Protein backbone atom coordinates (compact mmCIF):
# COMPACT_ATOMS: atom_id res chain seq x y z
CA UNK A 1 -2.73 92.73 -30.68
CA UNK A 2 -1.19 90.00 -28.63
CA UNK A 3 -0.79 90.68 -24.88
CA UNK A 4 2.70 90.11 -23.42
CA UNK A 5 1.69 90.55 -19.84
CA UNK A 6 3.07 87.95 -17.43
CA UNK A 7 0.75 85.60 -15.48
CA UNK A 8 -0.98 87.15 -12.55
CA UNK A 9 0.03 86.15 -8.96
CA UNK A 10 -3.30 84.29 -8.76
CA UNK A 11 -2.51 82.26 -11.84
CA UNK A 12 0.99 81.46 -10.50
CA UNK A 13 -0.43 80.30 -7.24
CA UNK A 14 -2.91 78.05 -9.02
CA UNK A 15 -0.08 76.39 -10.97
CA UNK A 16 1.89 75.79 -7.75
CA UNK A 17 -1.13 74.30 -6.06
CA UNK A 18 -1.54 71.80 -8.96
CA UNK A 19 2.12 70.73 -8.72
CA UNK A 20 1.86 70.30 -4.97
CA UNK A 21 -1.34 68.38 -5.33
CA UNK A 22 0.15 66.01 -7.92
CA UNK A 23 3.11 65.46 -5.76
CA UNK A 24 0.94 64.63 -2.77
CA UNK A 25 -1.12 62.30 -4.92
CA UNK A 26 2.00 60.44 -6.09
CA UNK A 27 3.16 60.13 -2.52
CA UNK A 28 -0.16 58.79 -1.44
CA UNK A 29 -0.15 56.29 -4.28
CA UNK A 30 3.34 55.09 -3.34
CA UNK A 31 2.25 54.81 0.24
CA UNK A 32 -0.74 52.69 -0.69
CA UNK A 33 1.47 50.50 -2.90
CA UNK A 34 3.99 50.13 -0.14
CA UNK A 35 1.28 49.16 2.42
CA UNK A 36 -0.10 46.48 -0.10
CA UNK A 37 3.50 45.29 -0.67
CA UNK A 38 4.21 44.98 3.05
CA UNK A 39 0.89 43.37 4.04
CA UNK A 40 0.21 41.13 0.93
CA UNK A 41 -0.57 37.53 1.73
CA UNK A 42 1.38 36.48 -1.41
CA UNK A 43 5.10 36.76 -1.87
CA UNK A 44 6.36 39.70 -3.98
CA UNK A 45 9.93 39.96 -5.36
CA UNK A 46 11.24 42.93 -7.36
CA UNK A 47 14.24 42.27 -9.65
CA UNK A 48 16.48 44.51 -11.80
CA UNK A 49 15.37 43.45 -15.31
CA UNK A 50 18.87 43.81 -16.68
CA UNK A 51 20.94 42.05 -14.07
CA UNK A 52 18.42 39.75 -12.36
CA UNK A 53 19.50 41.10 -8.97
CA UNK A 54 16.88 41.28 -6.21
CA UNK A 55 15.92 44.90 -5.45
CA UNK A 56 13.14 44.34 -2.91
CA UNK A 57 11.20 41.53 -1.22
CA UNK A 58 8.09 41.70 0.93
CA UNK A 59 7.75 40.26 4.53
CA UNK A 60 5.40 37.41 3.48
CA UNK A 61 8.04 35.92 1.16
CA UNK A 62 10.74 36.34 3.79
CA UNK A 63 8.68 34.40 6.23
CA UNK A 64 7.77 31.77 3.65
CA UNK A 65 11.38 31.18 2.63
CA UNK A 66 12.89 31.76 6.05
CA UNK A 67 15.54 34.07 4.50
CA UNK A 68 16.78 37.36 6.13
CA UNK A 69 16.17 40.49 4.11
CA UNK A 70 19.91 41.24 3.86
CA UNK A 71 20.74 37.78 2.46
CA UNK A 72 18.41 38.40 -0.53
CA UNK A 73 18.96 41.96 -1.49
CA UNK A 74 21.59 42.27 -4.24
CA UNK A 75 21.65 38.60 -5.02
CA UNK A 76 20.54 37.05 -8.28
CA UNK A 77 17.44 34.92 -8.03
CA UNK A 78 19.24 31.64 -8.82
CA UNK A 79 22.09 32.40 -6.49
CA UNK A 80 20.29 31.95 -3.10
CA UNK A 81 19.32 28.38 -3.45
CA UNK A 82 15.55 28.82 -4.14
CA UNK A 83 15.60 26.60 -7.19
CA UNK A 84 16.69 23.03 -7.69
CA UNK A 85 17.72 23.58 -11.29
CA UNK A 86 19.89 26.65 -11.56
CA UNK A 87 20.59 26.41 -15.27
CA UNK A 88 16.84 26.05 -16.07
CA UNK A 89 15.96 29.18 -14.05
CA UNK A 90 18.72 31.18 -15.64
CA UNK A 91 17.16 30.22 -19.03
CA UNK A 92 13.73 31.19 -17.69
CA UNK A 93 15.08 34.58 -16.71
CA UNK A 94 16.42 35.11 -20.22
CA UNK A 95 13.00 34.19 -21.59
CA UNK A 96 11.36 36.67 -19.20
CA UNK A 97 13.65 39.47 -20.38
CA UNK A 98 12.55 38.70 -23.93
CA UNK A 99 8.81 37.87 -23.48
CA UNK A 100 8.16 40.04 -20.39
CA UNK A 101 5.84 37.40 -18.91
CA UNK A 102 6.31 33.95 -17.43
CA UNK A 103 3.86 31.81 -15.42
CA UNK A 104 4.42 28.54 -13.53
CA UNK A 105 1.39 26.75 -12.24
CA UNK A 106 3.38 24.60 -9.82
CA UNK A 107 7.02 25.58 -9.13
CA UNK A 108 8.89 23.96 -6.29
CA UNK A 109 11.04 26.30 -4.28
CA UNK A 110 13.40 25.57 -1.45
CA UNK A 111 13.41 27.39 1.88
CA UNK A 112 16.63 28.21 3.58
CA UNK A 113 16.34 24.99 5.66
CA UNK A 114 15.91 22.98 2.49
CA UNK A 115 12.05 22.48 2.87
CA UNK A 116 10.31 22.13 -0.49
CA UNK A 117 7.48 24.63 -1.04
CA UNK A 118 5.13 24.40 -4.03
CA UNK A 119 4.17 27.86 -5.39
CA UNK A 120 2.33 29.48 -8.24
CA UNK A 121 4.90 31.85 -9.81
CA UNK A 122 3.93 34.83 -12.13
CA UNK A 123 6.45 37.37 -13.42
CA UNK A 124 5.84 40.62 -15.36
CA UNK A 125 8.26 43.27 -16.66
CA UNK A 126 7.32 46.99 -16.28
CA UNK A 127 9.02 50.40 -16.00
CA UNK A 128 9.45 52.61 -12.94
CA UNK A 129 10.47 55.89 -14.61
CA UNK A 130 13.31 54.87 -16.81
CA UNK A 131 14.18 51.72 -14.85
CA UNK A 132 13.05 48.35 -16.14
CA UNK A 133 12.07 46.00 -13.31
CA UNK A 134 10.53 42.58 -12.94
CA UNK A 135 7.84 41.85 -10.38
CA UNK A 136 7.45 38.18 -9.32
CA UNK A 137 4.23 37.28 -7.56
CA UNK A 138 4.63 34.05 -5.56
CA UNK A 139 1.57 32.20 -4.04
CA UNK A 140 2.05 29.29 -1.65
CA UNK A 141 0.03 26.37 -3.03
CA UNK A 142 1.58 23.61 -0.83
CA UNK A 143 -1.75 22.78 0.87
CA UNK A 144 -3.44 22.55 -2.48
CA UNK A 145 -0.62 20.39 -3.88
CA UNK A 146 -0.83 18.00 -0.90
CA UNK A 147 -4.63 17.68 -1.27
CA UNK A 148 -4.19 17.08 -4.98
CA UNK A 149 -1.55 14.36 -4.29
CA UNK A 150 -3.86 12.82 -1.69
CA UNK A 151 -6.82 12.75 -4.12
CA UNK A 152 -4.59 11.36 -6.78
CA UNK A 153 -3.46 8.65 -4.37
CA UNK A 154 -7.13 7.88 -3.53
CA UNK A 155 -7.98 7.58 -7.17
CA UNK A 156 -5.03 5.27 -7.72
CA UNK A 157 -6.11 3.25 -4.72
CA UNK A 158 -9.70 3.03 -6.15
CA UNK A 159 -8.39 1.96 -9.52
CA UNK A 160 -6.26 -0.76 -7.85
CA UNK A 161 -9.25 -1.92 -5.80
CA UNK A 162 -11.37 -2.14 -8.96
CA UNK A 163 -8.61 -4.11 -10.72
CA UNK A 164 -8.20 -6.39 -7.67
CA UNK A 165 -11.95 -7.02 -7.53
CA UNK A 166 -12.09 -7.86 -11.21
CA UNK A 167 -9.06 -10.17 -10.83
CA UNK A 168 -10.58 -11.87 -7.68
CA UNK A 169 -13.92 -12.35 -9.46
CA UNK A 170 -12.13 -13.94 -12.45
CA UNK A 171 -10.10 -16.21 -10.19
CA UNK A 172 -13.13 -17.05 -8.07
CA UNK A 173 -15.30 -18.01 -11.08
CA UNK A 174 -12.45 -20.29 -12.33
CA UNK A 175 -11.95 -21.83 -8.91
CA UNK A 176 -15.66 -22.61 -8.50
CA UNK A 177 -16.05 -23.77 -12.10
CA UNK A 178 -13.20 -26.27 -11.90
CA UNK A 179 -14.62 -28.49 -9.08
CA UNK A 180 -18.13 -28.09 -10.47
CA UNK A 181 -16.97 -29.45 -13.77
CA UNK A 182 -15.29 -32.39 -12.16
CA UNK A 183 -18.48 -33.11 -10.06
CA UNK A 184 -20.60 -32.91 -13.23
CA UNK A 185 -18.24 -35.35 -15.01
CA UNK A 186 -18.35 -37.74 -12.08
CA UNK A 187 -22.15 -37.60 -12.04
CA UNK A 188 -22.18 -38.31 -15.76
CA UNK A 189 -20.01 -41.37 -15.09
CA UNK A 190 -22.31 -42.63 -12.48
CA UNK A 191 -25.31 -42.13 -14.73
CA UNK A 192 -23.52 -43.77 -17.64
CA UNK A 193 -22.59 -46.71 -15.48
CA UNK A 194 -26.13 -47.30 -14.32
CA UNK A 195 -27.49 -46.87 -17.87
CA UNK A 196 -24.95 -49.47 -19.03
CA UNK A 197 -26.20 -51.79 -16.30
CA UNK A 198 -29.79 -51.54 -17.50
CA UNK A 199 -28.74 -52.17 -21.14
CA UNK A 200 -26.67 -55.22 -20.28
CA UNK A 201 -29.59 -57.05 -18.54
CA UNK A 202 -28.52 -55.96 -15.00
CA UNK A 203 -24.87 -57.00 -15.49
CA UNK A 204 -23.08 -55.59 -12.46
CA UNK A 205 -20.81 -52.59 -13.06
CA UNK A 206 -17.40 -52.96 -11.34
CA UNK A 207 -17.66 -51.47 -7.81
CA UNK A 208 -14.48 -49.37 -8.40
CA UNK A 209 -16.36 -47.51 -11.17
CA UNK A 210 -18.81 -46.03 -8.59
CA UNK A 211 -16.11 -45.58 -5.97
CA UNK A 212 -13.86 -43.53 -8.21
CA UNK A 213 -16.76 -41.27 -9.21
CA UNK A 214 -17.81 -40.80 -5.60
CA UNK A 215 -14.24 -40.04 -4.56
CA UNK A 216 -14.00 -37.45 -7.31
CA UNK A 217 -17.23 -35.77 -6.12
CA UNK A 218 -16.08 -35.79 -2.51
CA UNK A 219 -12.63 -34.42 -3.27
CA UNK A 220 -14.01 -31.51 -5.40
CA UNK A 221 -16.72 -30.79 -2.87
CA UNK A 222 -13.99 -30.47 -0.23
CA UNK A 223 -12.11 -28.01 -2.49
CA UNK A 224 -15.33 -25.92 -2.77
CA UNK A 225 -15.91 -26.01 0.92
CA UNK A 226 -12.31 -24.87 1.53
CA UNK A 227 -12.76 -22.02 -0.89
CA UNK A 228 -15.99 -20.81 0.58
CA UNK A 229 -14.65 -21.18 4.16
CA UNK A 230 -11.60 -18.95 3.25
CA UNK A 231 -13.91 -16.28 1.76
CA UNK A 232 -16.13 -16.36 4.83
CA UNK A 233 -13.11 -16.20 7.16
CA UNK A 234 -11.79 -13.15 5.26
CA UNK A 235 -15.11 -11.44 5.47
CA UNK A 236 -15.45 -12.03 9.23
CA UNK A 237 -11.89 -10.91 9.93
CA UNK A 238 -12.42 -7.74 7.85
CA UNK A 239 -15.10 -6.75 10.40
CA UNK A 240 -12.76 -6.98 13.34
CA UNK A 241 -10.90 -9.35 15.56
CA UNK A 242 -12.12 -12.91 15.23
CA UNK A 243 -14.07 -14.40 18.16
CA UNK A 244 -11.81 -16.71 20.10
CA UNK A 245 -12.36 -19.48 22.63
CA UNK A 246 -8.98 -19.42 24.46
CA UNK A 247 -7.90 -22.58 26.33
CA UNK A 248 -4.70 -24.45 27.12
CA UNK A 249 -3.81 -26.38 23.94
CA UNK A 250 -1.14 -29.01 23.06
CA UNK A 251 0.26 -27.60 19.85
CA UNK A 252 1.86 -30.95 18.94
CA UNK A 253 -1.49 -32.66 19.01
CA UNK A 254 -3.01 -29.82 16.85
CA UNK A 255 -0.19 -30.22 14.28
CA UNK A 256 -0.89 -33.93 14.02
CA UNK A 257 -4.66 -33.26 13.63
CA UNK A 258 -3.95 -30.77 10.79
CA UNK A 259 -1.77 -33.42 9.09
CA UNK A 260 -4.52 -36.06 9.41
CA UNK A 261 -6.94 -33.74 7.76
CA UNK A 262 -4.47 -33.06 4.86
CA UNK A 263 -3.60 -36.79 4.48
CA UNK A 264 -5.57 -37.37 1.26
CA UNK A 265 -4.15 -34.15 -0.29
CA UNK A 266 -0.65 -35.27 0.68
CA UNK A 267 -1.12 -38.62 -1.09
CA UNK A 268 -2.17 -36.82 -4.24
CA UNK A 269 0.85 -34.49 -4.21
CA UNK A 270 3.34 -37.29 -3.33
CA UNK A 271 5.25 -34.83 -1.17
CA UNK A 272 6.98 -36.30 1.90
CA UNK A 273 6.15 -34.70 5.24
CA UNK A 274 8.58 -35.11 8.15
CA UNK A 275 8.09 -34.22 11.83
CA UNK A 276 10.78 -33.04 14.19
CA UNK A 277 8.74 -32.01 17.18
CA UNK A 278 11.49 -31.40 19.72
CA UNK A 279 9.97 -28.67 21.90
CA UNK A 280 9.83 -29.66 25.54
CA UNK A 281 7.16 -27.13 26.34
CA UNK A 282 4.49 -27.21 23.71
CA UNK A 283 1.27 -26.05 25.44
CA UNK A 284 0.05 -22.64 24.47
CA UNK A 285 -3.06 -20.57 25.30
CA UNK A 286 -5.02 -20.47 22.05
CA UNK A 287 -8.23 -21.29 20.22
CA UNK A 288 -7.99 -24.89 19.09
CA UNK A 289 -9.93 -24.49 15.87
CA UNK A 290 -8.10 -21.31 14.86
CA UNK A 291 -4.71 -22.90 15.66
CA UNK A 292 -5.59 -25.94 13.46
CA UNK A 293 -6.55 -23.57 10.71
CA UNK A 294 -3.19 -21.75 10.92
CA UNK A 295 -1.28 -25.13 10.70
CA UNK A 296 -3.53 -26.40 7.90
CA UNK A 297 -3.10 -23.25 5.83
CA UNK A 298 0.68 -23.22 6.23
CA UNK A 299 1.14 -26.98 5.54
CA UNK A 300 -1.44 -26.77 2.70
CA UNK A 301 0.58 -23.90 1.19
CA UNK A 302 3.72 -25.96 1.32
CA UNK A 303 1.91 -28.93 -0.23
CA UNK A 304 0.57 -26.78 -3.07
CA UNK A 305 3.93 -25.20 -4.03
CA UNK A 306 6.23 -28.21 -3.53
CA UNK A 307 6.77 -30.44 -6.60
CA UNK A 308 6.32 -34.23 -6.58
CA UNK A 309 9.11 -35.84 -4.65
CA UNK A 310 9.66 -32.77 -2.59
CA UNK A 311 9.89 -32.55 1.19
CA UNK A 312 8.16 -30.65 3.98
CA UNK A 313 9.75 -30.53 7.40
CA UNK A 314 7.74 -29.44 10.49
CA UNK A 315 10.00 -28.45 13.42
CA UNK A 316 9.18 -27.31 16.93
CA UNK A 317 11.54 -25.97 19.57
CA UNK A 318 11.53 -23.67 22.56
CA UNK A 319 13.13 -20.24 22.54
CA UNK A 320 13.09 -17.94 25.67
CA UNK A 321 9.62 -18.80 26.90
CA UNK A 322 8.20 -19.29 23.49
CA UNK A 323 7.13 -22.20 21.32
CA UNK A 324 8.63 -21.93 17.77
CA UNK A 325 7.01 -23.91 14.95
CA UNK A 326 8.62 -23.95 11.55
CA UNK A 327 7.21 -25.24 8.31
CA UNK A 328 10.03 -25.69 5.79
CA UNK A 329 9.52 -26.89 2.19
CA UNK A 330 11.65 -27.55 -0.83
CA UNK A 331 9.09 -25.86 -3.13
CA UNK A 332 9.26 -23.14 -5.78
CA UNK A 333 10.47 -20.41 -3.46
CA UNK A 334 9.48 -16.82 -3.20
CA UNK A 335 11.07 -13.80 -4.92
CA UNK A 336 12.25 -10.87 -2.80
CA UNK A 337 9.58 -8.62 -4.32
CA UNK A 338 6.83 -11.16 -3.47
CA UNK A 339 7.97 -11.62 0.10
CA UNK A 340 6.98 -8.01 0.89
CA UNK A 341 3.34 -8.73 0.15
CA UNK A 342 3.09 -12.46 0.80
CA UNK A 343 0.62 -11.97 3.70
CA UNK A 344 -1.70 -9.60 1.73
CA UNK A 345 -5.07 -11.02 0.66
CA UNK A 346 -5.33 -12.55 -2.82
CA UNK A 347 -1.50 -12.67 -3.21
CA UNK A 348 0.33 -15.67 -4.60
CA UNK A 349 3.76 -14.29 -5.47
CA UNK A 350 4.14 -13.44 -9.21
CA UNK A 351 1.26 -13.34 -11.72
CA UNK A 352 2.15 -16.67 -13.16
CA UNK A 353 1.31 -18.54 -9.90
CA UNK A 354 -2.47 -18.91 -10.12
CA UNK A 355 -2.64 -20.47 -13.55
CA UNK A 356 -0.14 -23.13 -12.41
CA UNK A 357 -1.36 -23.77 -8.90
CA UNK A 358 -4.88 -22.38 -8.49
CA UNK A 359 -6.37 -20.95 -5.37
CA UNK A 360 -7.41 -17.40 -4.28
CA UNK A 361 -4.28 -16.50 -2.31
CA UNK A 362 -6.12 -16.20 0.96
CA UNK A 363 -4.53 -18.99 3.02
CA UNK A 364 -1.41 -17.13 4.19
CA UNK A 365 -3.24 -13.90 4.76
CA UNK A 366 -5.81 -15.70 7.10
CA UNK A 367 -2.98 -17.51 8.86
CA UNK A 368 -1.19 -14.24 9.51
CA UNK A 369 -4.29 -12.53 10.82
CA UNK A 370 -5.24 -15.46 13.03
CA UNK A 371 -1.74 -15.69 14.40
CA UNK A 372 -1.78 -12.04 15.41
CA UNK A 373 -5.18 -12.53 17.03
CA UNK A 374 -3.65 -15.32 19.18
CA UNK A 375 -0.84 -12.90 20.17
CA UNK A 376 1.68 -14.83 18.10
CA UNK A 377 3.93 -13.85 15.13
CA UNK A 378 4.36 -15.42 11.69
CA UNK A 379 7.41 -14.75 9.58
CA UNK A 380 8.62 -16.03 6.24
CA UNK A 381 12.05 -16.48 4.66
CA UNK A 382 13.10 -17.60 1.21
CA UNK A 383 16.42 -17.29 -0.57
CA UNK A 384 14.49 -16.83 -3.88
CA UNK A 385 12.85 -18.74 -6.68
CA UNK A 386 13.58 -22.44 -6.61
CA UNK A 387 14.98 -22.25 -3.09
CA UNK A 388 11.97 -23.32 -1.05
CA UNK A 389 10.39 -21.32 1.88
CA UNK A 390 10.43 -21.32 5.69
CA UNK A 391 7.42 -20.12 7.63
CA UNK A 392 8.10 -19.49 11.37
CA UNK A 393 5.43 -19.25 14.05
CA UNK A 394 6.11 -18.03 17.57
CA UNK A 395 3.64 -18.34 20.57
CA UNK A 396 4.12 -17.68 24.29
CA UNK A 397 4.40 -20.97 26.10
CA UNK A 398 1.60 -21.69 28.69
CA UNK A 399 3.57 -23.79 31.14
CA UNK A 400 1.70 -23.03 34.30
CA UNK A 401 -0.90 -25.33 35.84
CA UNK A 402 -4.09 -24.51 33.98
CA UNK A 403 -6.91 -22.89 35.86
CA UNK A 404 -10.36 -24.39 35.72
CA UNK A 405 -11.38 -21.94 32.98
CA UNK A 406 -8.33 -22.77 30.96
CA UNK A 407 -8.48 -26.62 31.18
CA UNK A 408 -8.69 -28.47 27.92
CA UNK A 409 -12.40 -28.84 27.26
CA UNK A 410 -13.72 -32.14 25.86
CA UNK A 411 -14.13 -30.49 22.49
CA UNK A 412 -10.50 -29.32 22.44
CA UNK A 413 -9.24 -32.71 23.66
CA UNK A 414 -11.12 -34.51 20.96
CA UNK A 415 -9.75 -32.10 18.30
CA UNK A 416 -6.27 -32.47 19.58
CA UNK A 417 -6.46 -36.20 20.04
């Protein structure tokens, strides 16, 4: 027989306790979630899965994006300017509704002020009762992104340095091999001439035969010395400011000295050099040797890139307490792109320059560094390829009566004379 008696008061109390306990447990769980939501160190965004409207947003994300709470609630995600590409993010929301999961490893967001913030963005769809919602977890990875970009930049710099090193070694081997080959040929000529003398019963070989071979050897040895000197100069300057012996120098005399040293090269190039030394005040405080090197590098550069029959004009003038020296040429000119890096080491304009003209591309870089060390400036202008170039030096004039420590030393006077 089945009993139809109702539950006892004790049983009813036990059921009520269970309901109360379950309610308290749910409230505690909601409280824990709310505390996690409020204190999380990642951004959390809750959306209505059907409309895409923002239901809730935690304080961390409000601080990250600098948006007031009221400006976000009720708005669709793509309406508040977070994303650069609104259409793409509308499409992403539609995919999320369908797939219920989306992850972006690096998504750029914009703060209210327009600042770009890189975030990791993960979205999931779930149900709260009968309501379908989307939770977006947003982690700020801006610092990681900056570090990655920096490491990527360092890697690119290392790759460029390696390529530059390889290019320099290739050019250097060519530049050293060329004069060595010429010297070897000249030595062969001398040996051949003396062998011929022995075979012809001591018949005298024409003197010009020996002279031309010796001239060839001397010219190519000078080329090698210039090359090695440039490399040594670059190495010394890379270690710091060059050591200078400052004294009162007549810049006009140093210009003439540089021209004298370049005389044989000028004859080979058949380029005319014209002087227009009009500066009334042309004494400056400088290192005589370094100043001569600056002039030699600039004039030598003009000789190298000016075709046969071209002209080089060297002009001096005074300008508000300064001596201005210009080296103008009618050479091949410099492109606008090459002008930006013309004073960098191993630069010679475009990539076709070296095969045509040779050299390591150190002369202008050295001249620029030495000019700065002497408290001067060096600038360059060119209207483009085929339009020549104009290099302009500026130094402060030393017009006062020189002190004993600044007087032209015998060495300086000899160099300048």
